[in-house]
């Protein structure tokens, strides 16, 4: 596995994590948990 492939995999993983965190934050906001939402 080369450097370029490692970078692509890392970028894809971080992008997926960012989307998950945005979803978690939105769920927390809907439940009135703004402090928790800001943690995401």
C-alpha atoms as a PDB file:
ATOM      1  CA  UNK A   1       0.000   0.000   0.000  1.00  0.00           C
ATOM      2  CA  UNK A   2       1.559   3.285  -1.092  1.00  0.00           C
ATOM      3  CA  UNK A   3       1.411   6.757   0.339  1.00  0.00           C
ATOM      4  CA  UNK A   4      -1.208   7.954  -2.131  1.00  0.00           C
ATOM      5  CA  UNK A   5      -3.524   5.067  -1.317  1.00  0.00           C
ATOM      6  CA  UNK A   6      -3.024   5.664   2.423  1.00  0.00           C
ATOM      7  CA  UNK A   7      -3.934   9.325   1.977  1.00  0.00           C
ATOM      8  CA  UNK A   8      -7.036   8.458  -0.043  1.00  0.00           C
ATOM      9  CA  UNK A   9      -8.182   5.975   2.598  1.00  0.00           C
ATOM     10  CA  UNK A  10      -7.544   8.438   5.415  1.00  0.00           C
ATOM     11  CA  UNK A  11      -9.433  11.205   3.613  1.00  0.00           C
ATOM     12  CA  UNK A  12     -12.390   8.918   2.931  1.00  0.00           C
ATOM     13  CA  UNK A  13     -12.513   7.822   6.566  1.00  0.00           C
ATOM     14  CA  UNK A  14     -12.367  11.386   7.882  1.00  0.00           C
ATOM     15  CA  UNK A  15     -15.063  12.490   5.439  1.00  0.00           C
ATOM     16  CA  UNK A  16     -17.369   9.720   6.617  1.00  0.00           C
ATOM     17  CA  UNK A  17     -16.701  10.617  10.250  1.00  0.00           C
ATOM     18  CA  UNK A  18     -17.534  14.268   9.593  1.00  0.00           C
ATOM     19  CA  UNK A  19     -20.882  13.320   8.061  1.00  0.00           C
ATOM     20  CA  UNK A  20     -21.684  11.047  11.017  1.00  0.00           C
ATOM     21  CA  UNK A  21     -20.854  13.816  13.497  1.00  0.00           C
ATOM     22  CA  UNK A  22     -23.113  16.265  11.657  1.00  0.00           C
ATOM     23  CA  UNK A  23     -25.948  13.745  11.822  1.00  0.00           C
ATOM     24  CA  UNK A  24     -25.352  13.135  15.548  1.00  0.00           C
ATOM     25  CA  UNK A  25     -25.334  16.888  16.193  1.00  0.00           C
ATOM     26  CA  UNK A  26     -28.617  17.342  14.338  1.00  0.00           C
ATOM     27  CA  UNK A  27     -30.244  14.549  16.341  1.00  0.00           C
ATOM     28  CA  UNK A  28     -29.016  16.137  19.581  1.00  0.00           C
ATOM     29  CA  UNK A  29     -30.414  19.540  18.520  1.00  0.00           C
ATOM     30  CA  UNK A  30     -33.792  18.025  17.743  1.00  0.00           C
ATOM     31  CA  UNK A  31     -33.835  16.564  21.256  1.00  0.00           C
ATOM     32  CA  UNK A  32     -32.978  19.952  22.764  1.00  0.00           C
ATOM     33  CA  UNK A  33     -29.425  18.978  23.673  1.00  0.00           C
ATOM     34  CA  UNK A  34     -27.591  21.964  22.217  1.00  0.00           C
ATOM     35  CA  UNK A  35     -24.547  21.531  24.462  1.00  0.00           C
ATOM     36  CA  UNK A  36     -24.043  18.003  23.236  1.00  0.00           C
ATOM     37  CA  UNK A  37     -24.658  19.076  19.637  1.00  0.00           C
ATOM     38  CA  UNK A  38     -21.850  21.632  19.935  1.00  0.00           C
ATOM     39  CA  UNK A  39     -19.539  18.814  21.035  1.00  0.00           C
ATOM     40  CA  UNK A  40     -19.943  17.260  17.630  1.00  0.00           C
END
